[in-house]
Amino acid sequence: MKNLRLSIHSPENIWLRQLLIKRRRELKLSQRELAERLDVVYSFVGKVETGDRRLDFLEFIAYCHSLEIDPCQVVMQFNRQFS
């Protein structure tokens, strides 16, 4: 990861989006249901999943908690995948 501001089409961003989508589907949550857990408008979830919207650090943590996953585990997986 040489460029700090990676494209939404970078393997790293695609990997993260796919992980979040997969987990939402495992929990059998619609985008609307996840948005309710996050207390945001449902289009927010859609934009995150399509890459139109990036998550900042605090949003990422809240997103992970809403999906019942440990953000630290996601970061460690990311590190293994892209280091």
PDB file of N, CA and C in Angstrom:
ATOM      1  N   MET A   1       0.843  -1.169   0.000  1.00  0.00           N
ATOM      2  CA  MET A   1       0.000   0.000   0.000  1.00  0.00           C
ATOM      3  C   MET A   1       0.890   1.236   0.000  1.00  0.00           C
ATOM      4  N   LYS A   2       1.287   1.653  -1.173  1.00  0.00           N
ATOM      5  CA  LYS A   2       2.197   2.781  -1.312  1.00  0.00           C
ATOM      6  C   LYS A   2       1.469   4.119  -1.296  1.00  0.00           C
ATOM      7  N   ASN A   3       0.295   4.159  -1.924  1.00  0.00           N
ATOM      8  CA  ASN A   3      -0.478   5.395  -2.011  1.00  0.00           C
ATOM      9  C   ASN A   3      -1.451   5.464  -0.838  1.00  0.00           C
ATOM     10  N   LEU A   4      -1.343   6.503  -0.042  1.00  0.00           N
ATOM     11  CA  LEU A   4      -2.195   6.643   1.130  1.00  0.00           C
ATOM     12  C   LEU A   4      -3.672   6.742   0.762  1.00  0.00           C
ATOM     13  N   ARG A   5      -3.981   7.372  -0.318  1.00  0.00           N
ATOM     14  CA  ARG A   5      -5.379   7.560  -0.745  1.00  0.00           C
ATOM     15  C   ARG A   5      -5.668   6.616  -1.907  1.00  0.00           C
ATOM     16  N   LEU A   6      -5.885   5.346  -1.603  1.00  0.00           N
ATOM     17  CA  LEU A   6      -6.097   4.336  -2.625  1.00  0.00           C
ATOM     18  C   LEU A   6      -7.415   4.542  -3.362  1.00  0.00           C
ATOM     19  N   SER A   7      -7.432   4.124  -4.599  1.00  0.00           N
ATOM     20  CA  SER A   7      -8.639   4.155  -5.410  1.00  0.00           C
ATOM     21  C   SER A   7      -9.686   3.229  -4.799  1.00  0.00           C
ATOM     22  N   ILE A   8     -10.945   3.545  -5.039  1.00  0.00           N
ATOM     23  CA  ILE A   8     -12.005   2.652  -4.582  1.00  0.00           C
ATOM     24  C   ILE A   8     -11.938   1.314  -5.314  1.00  0.00           C
ATOM     25  N   HIS A   9     -11.184   1.281  -6.404  1.00  0.00           N
ATOM     26  CA  HIS A   9     -11.041   0.057  -7.188  1.00  0.00           C
ATOM     27  C   HIS A   9      -9.781  -0.725  -6.824  1.00  0.00           C
ATOM     28  N   SER A  10      -9.073  -0.261  -5.801  1.00  0.00           N
ATOM     29  CA  SER A  10      -7.851  -0.956  -5.389  1.00  0.00           C
ATOM     30  C   SER A  10      -8.219  -2.295  -4.760  1.00  0.00           C
ATOM     31  N   PRO A  11      -7.333  -3.269  -4.844  1.00  0.00           N
ATOM     32  CA  PRO A  11      -7.602  -4.574  -4.219  1.00  0.00           C
ATOM     33  C   PRO A  11      -7.917  -4.448  -2.726  1.00  0.00           C
ATOM     34  N   GLU A  12      -7.277  -3.512  -2.049  1.00  0.00           N
ATOM     35  CA  GLU A  12      -7.503  -3.331  -0.616  1.00  0.00           C
ATOM     36  C   GLU A  12      -8.934  -2.872  -0.320  1.00  0.00           C
ATOM     37  N   ASN A  13      -9.403  -1.876  -1.068  1.00  0.00           N
ATOM     38  CA  ASN A  13     -10.766  -1.386  -0.855  1.00  0.00           C
ATOM     39  C   ASN A  13     -11.807  -2.410  -1.264  1.00  0.00           C
ATOM     40  N   ILE A  14     -11.564  -3.105  -2.346  1.00  0.00           N
ATOM     41  CA  ILE A  14     -12.491  -4.147  -2.789  1.00  0.00           C
ATOM     42  C   ILE A  14     -12.564  -5.259  -1.745  1.00  0.00           C
ATOM     43  N   TRP A  15     -11.426  -5.652  -1.217  1.00  0.00           N
ATOM     44  CA  TRP A  15     -11.376  -6.702  -0.192  1.00  0.00           C
ATOM     45  C   TRP A  15     -12.223  -6.315   1.021  1.00  0.00           C
ATOM     46  N   LEU A  16     -12.041  -5.092   1.507  1.00  0.00           N
ATOM     47  CA  LEU A  16     -12.785  -4.647   2.689  1.00  0.00           C
ATOM     48  C   LEU A  16     -14.281  -4.614   2.406  1.00  0.00           C
ATOM     49  N   ARG A  17     -14.674  -4.058   1.277  1.00  0.00           N
ATOM     50  CA  ARG A  17     -16.102  -4.005   0.945  1.00  0.00           C
ATOM     51  C   ARG A  17     -16.692  -5.397   0.853  1.00  0.00           C
ATOM     52  N   GLN A  18     -15.983  -6.320   0.220  1.00  0.00           N
ATOM     53  CA  GLN A  18     -16.484  -7.685   0.093  1.00  0.00           C
ATOM     54  C   GLN A  18     -16.622  -8.360   1.455  1.00  0.00           C
ATOM     55  N   LEU A  19     -15.667  -8.111   2.351  1.00  0.00           N
ATOM     56  CA  LEU A  19     -15.739  -8.677   3.688  1.00  0.00           C
ATOM     57  C   LEU A  19     -16.978  -8.161   4.426  1.00  0.00           C
ATOM     58  N   LEU A  20     -17.233  -6.865   4.348  1.00  0.00           N
ATOM     59  CA  LEU A  20     -18.377  -6.268   5.037  1.00  0.00           C
ATOM     60  C   LEU A  20     -19.701  -6.757   4.446  1.00  0.00           C
ATOM     61  N   ILE A  21     -19.767  -6.863   3.131  1.00  0.00           N
ATOM     62  CA  ILE A  21     -20.985  -7.361   2.476  1.00  0.00           C
ATOM     63  C   ILE A  21     -21.231  -8.811   2.856  1.00  0.00           C
ATOM     64  N   LYS A  22     -20.178  -9.615   2.817  1.00  0.00           N
ATOM     65  CA  LYS A  22     -20.311 -11.036   3.161  1.00  0.00           C
ATOM     66  C   LYS A  22     -20.840 -11.202   4.583  1.00  0.00           C
ATOM     67  N   ARG A  23     -20.292 -10.425   5.512  1.00  0.00           N
ATOM     68  CA  ARG A  23     -20.727 -10.539   6.904  1.00  0.00           C
ATOM     69  C   ARG A  23     -22.177 -10.091   7.068  1.00  0.00           C
ATOM     70  N   ARG A  24     -22.573  -9.021   6.382  1.00  0.00           N
ATOM     71  CA  ARG A  24     -23.970  -8.580   6.451  1.00  0.00           C
ATOM     72  C   ARG A  24     -24.900  -9.676   5.970  1.00  0.00           C
ATOM     73  N   ARG A  25     -24.521 -10.318   4.886  1.00  0.00           N
ATOM     74  CA  ARG A  25     -25.352 -11.393   4.335  1.00  0.00           C
ATOM     75  C   ARG A  25     -25.366 -12.617   5.244  1.00  0.00           C
ATOM     76  N   GLU A  26     -24.230 -12.922   5.873  1.00  0.00           N
ATOM     77  CA  GLU A  26     -24.198 -14.039   6.831  1.00  0.00           C
ATOM     78  C   GLU A  26     -25.180 -13.819   7.971  1.00  0.00           C
ATOM     79  N   LEU A  27     -25.308 -12.563   8.385  1.00  0.00           N
ATOM     80  CA  LEU A  27     -26.243 -12.222   9.456  1.00  0.00           C
ATOM     81  C   LEU A  27     -27.675 -12.081   8.940  1.00  0.00           C
ATOM     82  N   LYS A  28     -27.843 -12.266   7.620  1.00  0.00           N
ATOM     83  CA  LYS A  28     -29.149 -12.142   6.968  1.00  0.00           C
ATOM     84  C   LYS A  28     -29.786 -10.764   7.218  1.00  0.00           C
ATOM     85  N   LEU A  29     -28.941  -9.746   7.138  1.00  0.00           N
ATOM     86  CA  LEU A  29     -29.404  -8.364   7.302  1.00  0.00           C
ATOM     87  C   LEU A  29     -29.546  -7.700   5.946  1.00  0.00           C
ATOM     88  N   SER A  30     -30.616  -6.976   5.771  1.00  0.00           N
ATOM     89  CA  SER A  30     -30.718  -6.132   4.581  1.00  0.00           C
ATOM     90  C   SER A  30     -29.886  -4.871   4.835  1.00  0.00           C
ATOM     91  N   GLN A  31     -29.679  -4.108   3.779  1.00  0.00           N
ATOM     92  CA  GLN A  31     -28.971  -2.839   3.953  1.00  0.00           C
ATOM     93  C   GLN A  31     -29.758  -1.923   4.888  1.00  0.00           C
ATOM     94  N   ARG A  32     -31.059  -1.955   4.790  1.00  0.00           N
ATOM     95  CA  ARG A  32     -31.902  -1.120   5.669  1.00  0.00           C
ATOM     96  C   ARG A  32     -31.754  -1.534   7.130  1.00  0.00           C
ATOM     97  N   GLU A  33     -31.724  -2.842   7.377  1.00  0.00           N
ATOM     98  CA  GLU A  33     -31.583  -3.323   8.751  1.00  0.00           C
ATOM     99  C   GLU A  33     -30.229  -2.946   9.343  1.00  0.00           C
ATOM    100  N   LEU A  34     -29.186  -3.056   8.529  1.00  0.00           N
ATOM    101  CA  LEU A  34     -27.868  -2.637   9.003  1.00  0.00           C
ATOM    102  C   LEU A  34     -27.855  -1.137   9.270  1.00  0.00           C
ATOM    103  N   ALA A  35     -28.477  -0.375   8.395  1.00  0.00           N
ATOM    104  CA  ALA A  35     -28.549   1.078   8.584  1.00  0.00           C
ATOM    105  C   ALA A  35     -29.266   1.414   9.896  1.00  0.00           C
ATOM    106  N   GLU A  36     -30.305   0.664  10.223  1.00  0.00           N
ATOM    107  CA  GLU A  36     -31.002   0.891  11.487  1.00  0.00           C
ATOM    108  C   GLU A  36     -30.073   0.627  12.669  1.00  0.00           C
ATOM    109  N   ARG A  37     -29.277  -0.437  12.590  1.00  0.00           N
ATOM    110  CA  ARG A  37     -28.313  -0.728  13.653  1.00  0.00           C
ATOM    111  C   ARG A  37     -27.303   0.405  13.802  1.00  0.00           C
ATOM    112  N   LEU A  38     -26.926   0.995  12.682  1.00  0.00           N
ATOM    113  CA  LEU A  38     -25.937   2.076  12.689  1.00  0.00           C
ATOM    114  C   LEU A  38     -26.552   3.435  12.971  1.00  0.00           C
ATOM    115  N   ASP A  39     -27.886   3.506  12.923  1.00  0.00           N
ATOM    116  CA  ASP A  39     -28.614   4.756  13.085  1.00  0.00           C
ATOM    117  C   ASP A  39     -28.216   5.771  12.007  1.00  0.00           C
ATOM    118  N   VAL A  40     -28.217   5.281  10.752  1.00  0.00           N
ATOM    119  CA  VAL A  40     -27.922   6.122   9.591  1.00  0.00           C
ATOM    120  C   VAL A  40     -28.992   5.864   8.535  1.00  0.00           C
ATOM    121  N   VAL A  41     -29.044   6.713   7.512  1.00  0.00           N
ATOM    122  CA  VAL A  41     -29.959   6.463   6.402  1.00  0.00           C
ATOM    123  C   VAL A  41     -29.456   5.250   5.629  1.00  0.00           C
ATOM    124  N   TYR A  42     -30.390   4.477   5.068  1.00  0.00           N
ATOM    125  CA  TYR A  42     -29.981   3.219   4.439  1.00  0.00           C
ATOM    126  C   TYR A  42     -29.092   3.421   3.223  1.00  0.00           C
ATOM    127  N   SER A  43     -29.180   4.575   2.577  1.00  0.00           N
ATOM    128  CA  SER A  43     -28.332   4.808   1.406  1.00  0.00           C
ATOM    129  C   SER A  43     -26.851   4.855   1.796  1.00  0.00           C
ATOM    130  N   PHE A  44     -26.561   5.175   3.061  1.00  0.00           N
ATOM    131  CA  PHE A  44     -25.185   5.167   3.552  1.00  0.00           C
ATOM    132  C   PHE A  44     -24.569   3.785   3.362  1.00  0.00           C
ATOM    133  N   VAL A  45     -25.297   2.738   3.747  1.00  0.00           N
ATOM    134  CA  VAL A  45     -24.793   1.366   3.636  1.00  0.00           C
ATOM    135  C   VAL A  45     -24.581   1.020   2.163  1.00  0.00           C
ATOM    136  N   GLY A  46     -25.526   1.372   1.324  1.00  0.00           N
ATOM    137  CA  GLY A  46     -25.390   1.105  -0.110  1.00  0.00           C
ATOM    138  C   GLY A  46     -24.165   1.782  -0.692  1.00  0.00           C
ATOM    139  N   LYS A  47     -23.919   3.011  -0.297  1.00  0.00           N
ATOM    140  CA  LYS A  47     -22.764   3.745  -0.805  1.00  0.00           C
ATOM    141  C   LYS A  47     -21.453   3.150  -0.311  1.00  0.00           C
ATOM    142  N   VAL A  48     -21.431   2.691   0.933  1.00  0.00           N
ATOM    143  CA  VAL A  48     -20.229   2.027   1.449  1.00  0.00           C
ATOM    144  C   VAL A  48     -19.970   0.760   0.647  1.00  0.00           C
ATOM    145  N   GLU A  49     -21.024  -0.014   0.402  1.00  0.00           N
ATOM    146  CA  GLU A  49     -20.865  -1.293  -0.281  1.00  0.00           C
ATOM    147  C   GLU A  49     -20.481  -1.144  -1.747  1.00  0.00           C
ATOM    148  N   THR A  50     -20.854  -0.052  -2.385  1.00  0.00           N
ATOM    149  CA  THR A  50     -20.479   0.160  -3.788  1.00  0.00           C
ATOM    150  C   THR A  50     -19.169   0.914  -3.933  1.00  0.00           C
ATOM    151  N   GLY A  51     -18.660   1.442  -2.826  1.00  0.00           N
ATOM    152  CA  GLY A  51     -17.414   2.193  -2.875  1.00  0.00           C
ATOM    153  C   GLY A  51     -17.600   3.670  -3.126  1.00  0.00           C
ATOM    154  N   ASP A  52     -18.846   4.126  -3.165  1.00  0.00           N
ATOM    155  CA  ASP A  52     -19.104   5.557  -3.351  1.00  0.00           C
ATOM    156  C   ASP A  52     -18.812   6.343  -2.083  1.00  0.00           C
ATOM    157  N   ARG A  53     -18.739   5.638  -0.961  1.00  0.00           N
ATOM    158  CA  ARG A  53     -18.518   6.283   0.337  1.00  0.00           C
ATOM    159  C   ARG A  53     -17.467   5.495   1.097  1.00  0.00           C
ATOM    160  N   ARG A  54     -16.463   6.181   1.586  1.00  0.00           N
ATOM    161  CA  ARG A  54     -15.441   5.549   2.422  1.00  0.00           C
ATOM    162  C   ARG A  54     -15.826   5.687   3.882  1.00  0.00           C
ATOM    163  N   LEU A  55     -15.338   4.761   4.681  1.00  0.00           N
ATOM    164  CA  LEU A  55     -15.551   4.844   6.124  1.00  0.00           C
ATOM    165  C   LEU A  55     -14.347   5.497   6.773  1.00  0.00           C
ATOM    166  N   ASP A  56     -14.578   6.451   7.662  1.00  0.00           N
ATOM    167  CA  ASP A  56     -13.449   6.950   8.438  1.00  0.00           C
ATOM    168  C   ASP A  56     -13.214   5.956   9.581  1.00  0.00           C
ATOM    169  N   PHE A  57     -12.211   6.204  10.380  1.00  0.00           N
ATOM    170  CA  PHE A  57     -11.797   5.266  11.425  1.00  0.00           C
ATOM    171  C   PHE A  57     -12.933   4.950  12.397  1.00  0.00           C
ATOM    172  N   LEU A  58     -13.593   5.978  12.912  1.00  0.00           N
ATOM    173  CA  LEU A  58     -14.663   5.763  13.886  1.00  0.00           C
ATOM    174  C   LEU A  58     -15.873   5.095  13.251  1.00  0.00           C
ATOM    175  N   GLU A  59     -16.176   5.446  12.006  1.00  0.00           N
ATOM    176  CA  GLU A  59     -17.272   4.786  11.292  1.00  0.00           C
ATOM    177  C   GLU A  59     -16.957   3.310  11.075  1.00  0.00           C
ATOM    178  N   PHE A  60     -15.711   3.009  10.735  1.00  0.00           N
ATOM    179  CA  PHE A  60     -15.286   1.619  10.527  1.00  0.00           C
ATOM    180  C   PHE A  60     -15.518   0.789  11.790  1.00  0.00           C
ATOM    181  N   ILE A  61     -15.151   1.348  12.935  1.00  0.00           N
ATOM    182  CA  ILE A  61     -15.339   0.625  14.198  1.00  0.00           C
ATOM    183  C   ILE A  61     -16.830   0.378  14.455  1.00  0.00           C
ATOM    184  N   ALA A  62     -17.643   1.402  14.292  1.00  0.00           N
ATOM    185  CA  ALA A  62     -19.090   1.260  14.500  1.00  0.00           C
ATOM    186  C   ALA A  62     -19.680   0.259  13.510  1.00  0.00           C
ATOM    187  N   TYR A  63     -19.230   0.300  12.260  1.00  0.00           N
ATOM    188  CA  TYR A  63     -19.711  -0.601  11.217  1.00  0.00           C
ATOM    189  C   TYR A  63     -19.392  -2.045  11.612  1.00  0.00           C
ATOM    190  N   CYS A  64     -18.166  -2.284  12.049  1.00  0.00           N
ATOM    191  CA  CYS A  64     -17.770  -3.631  12.481  1.00  0.00           C
ATOM    192  C   CYS A  64     -18.610  -4.096  13.660  1.00  0.00           C
ATOM    193  N   HIS A  65     -18.791  -3.250  14.646  1.00  0.00           N
ATOM    194  CA  HIS A  65     -19.596  -3.626  15.810  1.00  0.00           C
ATOM    195  C   HIS A  65     -21.029  -3.948  15.404  1.00  0.00           C
ATOM    196  N   SER A  66     -21.566  -3.192  14.469  1.00  0.00           N
ATOM    197  CA  SER A  66     -22.927  -3.459  13.993  1.00  0.00           C
ATOM    198  C   SER A  66     -23.028  -4.790  13.271  1.00  0.00           C
ATOM    199  N   LEU A  67     -21.908  -5.219  12.699  1.00  0.00           N
ATOM    200  CA  LEU A  67     -21.861  -6.514  12.013  1.00  0.00           C
ATOM    201  C   LEU A  67     -21.348  -7.633  12.932  1.00  0.00           C
ATOM    202  N   GLU A  68     -21.194  -7.287  14.205  1.00  0.00           N
ATOM    203  CA  GLU A  68     -20.761  -8.256  15.214  1.00  0.00           C
ATOM    204  C   GLU A  68     -19.406  -8.879  14.884  1.00  0.00           C
ATOM    205  N   ILE A  69     -18.500  -8.031  14.395  1.00  0.00           N
ATOM    206  CA  ILE A  69     -17.126  -8.472  14.152  1.00  0.00           C
ATOM    207  C   ILE A  69     -16.166  -7.531  14.874  1.00  0.00           C
ATOM    208  N   ASP A  70     -15.031  -8.067  15.241  1.00  0.00           N
ATOM    209  CA  ASP A  70     -14.022  -7.306  15.954  1.00  0.00           C
ATOM    210  C   ASP A  70     -13.190  -6.517  14.947  1.00  0.00           C
ATOM    211  N   PRO A  71     -13.192  -5.190  15.032  1.00  0.00           N
ATOM    212  CA  PRO A  71     -12.419  -4.391  14.079  1.00  0.00           C
ATOM    213  C   PRO A  71     -10.930  -4.732  14.112  1.00  0.00           C
ATOM    214  N   CYS A  72     -10.415  -5.100  15.272  1.00  0.00           N
ATOM    215  CA  CYS A  72      -9.000  -5.484  15.372  1.00  0.00           C
ATOM    216  C   CYS A  72      -8.714  -6.731  14.544  1.00  0.00           C
ATOM    217  N   GLN A  73      -9.655  -7.671  14.546  1.00  0.00           N
ATOM    218  CA  GLN A  73      -9.494  -8.887  13.749  1.00  0.00           C
ATOM    219  C   GLN A  73      -9.498  -8.558  12.257  1.00  0.00           C
ATOM    220  N   VAL A  74     -10.344  -7.624  11.866  1.00  0.00           N
ATOM    221  CA  VAL A  74     -10.393  -7.211  10.456  1.00  0.00           C
ATOM    222  C   VAL A  74      -9.061  -6.593  10.059  1.00  0.00           C
ATOM    223  N   VAL A  75      -8.513  -5.752  10.913  1.00  0.00           N
ATOM    224  CA  VAL A  75      -7.229  -5.111  10.624  1.00  0.00           C
ATOM    225  C   VAL A  75      -6.123  -6.159  10.533  1.00  0.00           C
ATOM    226  N   MET A  76      -6.136  -7.137  11.422  1.00  0.00           N
ATOM    227  CA  MET A  76      -5.113  -8.194  11.371  1.00  0.00           C
ATOM    228  C   MET A  76      -5.242  -9.029  10.097  1.00  0.00           C
ATOM    229  N   GLN A  77      -6.481  -9.332   9.698  1.00  0.00           N
ATOM    230  CA  GLN A  77      -6.695 -10.047   8.436  1.00  0.00           C
ATOM    231  C   GLN A  77      -6.171  -9.231   7.263  1.00  0.00           C
ATOM    232  N   PHE A  78      -6.469  -7.941   7.292  1.00  0.00           N
ATOM    233  CA  PHE A  78      -6.009  -7.040   6.246  1.00  0.00           C
ATOM    234  C   PHE A  78      -4.491  -7.058   6.158  1.00  0.00           C
ATOM    235  N   ASN A  79      -3.850  -6.971   7.305  1.00  0.00           N
ATOM    236  CA  ASN A  79      -2.386  -6.982   7.368  1.00  0.00           C
ATOM    237  C   ASN A  79      -1.809  -8.251   6.767  1.00  0.00           C
ATOM    238  N   ARG A  80      -2.385  -9.384   7.116  1.00  0.00           N
ATOM    239  CA  ARG A  80      -1.910 -10.655   6.558  1.00  0.00           C
ATOM    240  C   ARG A  80      -2.098 -10.696   5.044  1.00  0.00           C
ATOM    241  N   GLN A  81      -3.215 -10.166   4.599  1.00  0.00           N
ATOM    242  CA  GLN A  81      -3.538 -10.204   3.167  1.00  0.00           C
ATOM    243  C   GLN A  81      -2.661  -9.275   2.331  1.00  0.00           C
ATOM    244  N   PHE A  82      -2.319  -8.107   2.881  1.00  0.00           N
ATOM    245  CA  PHE A  82      -1.693  -7.073   2.057  1.00  0.00           C
ATOM    246  C   PHE A  82      -0.295  -6.650   2.507  1.00  0.00           C
ATOM    247  N   SER A  83       0.274  -7.314   3.472  1.00  0.00           N
ATOM    248  CA  SER A  83       1.645  -6.962   3.907  1.00  0.00           C
ATOM    249  C   SER A  83       2.686  -7.667   3.071  1.00  0.00           C
TER     250      SER A  83
END
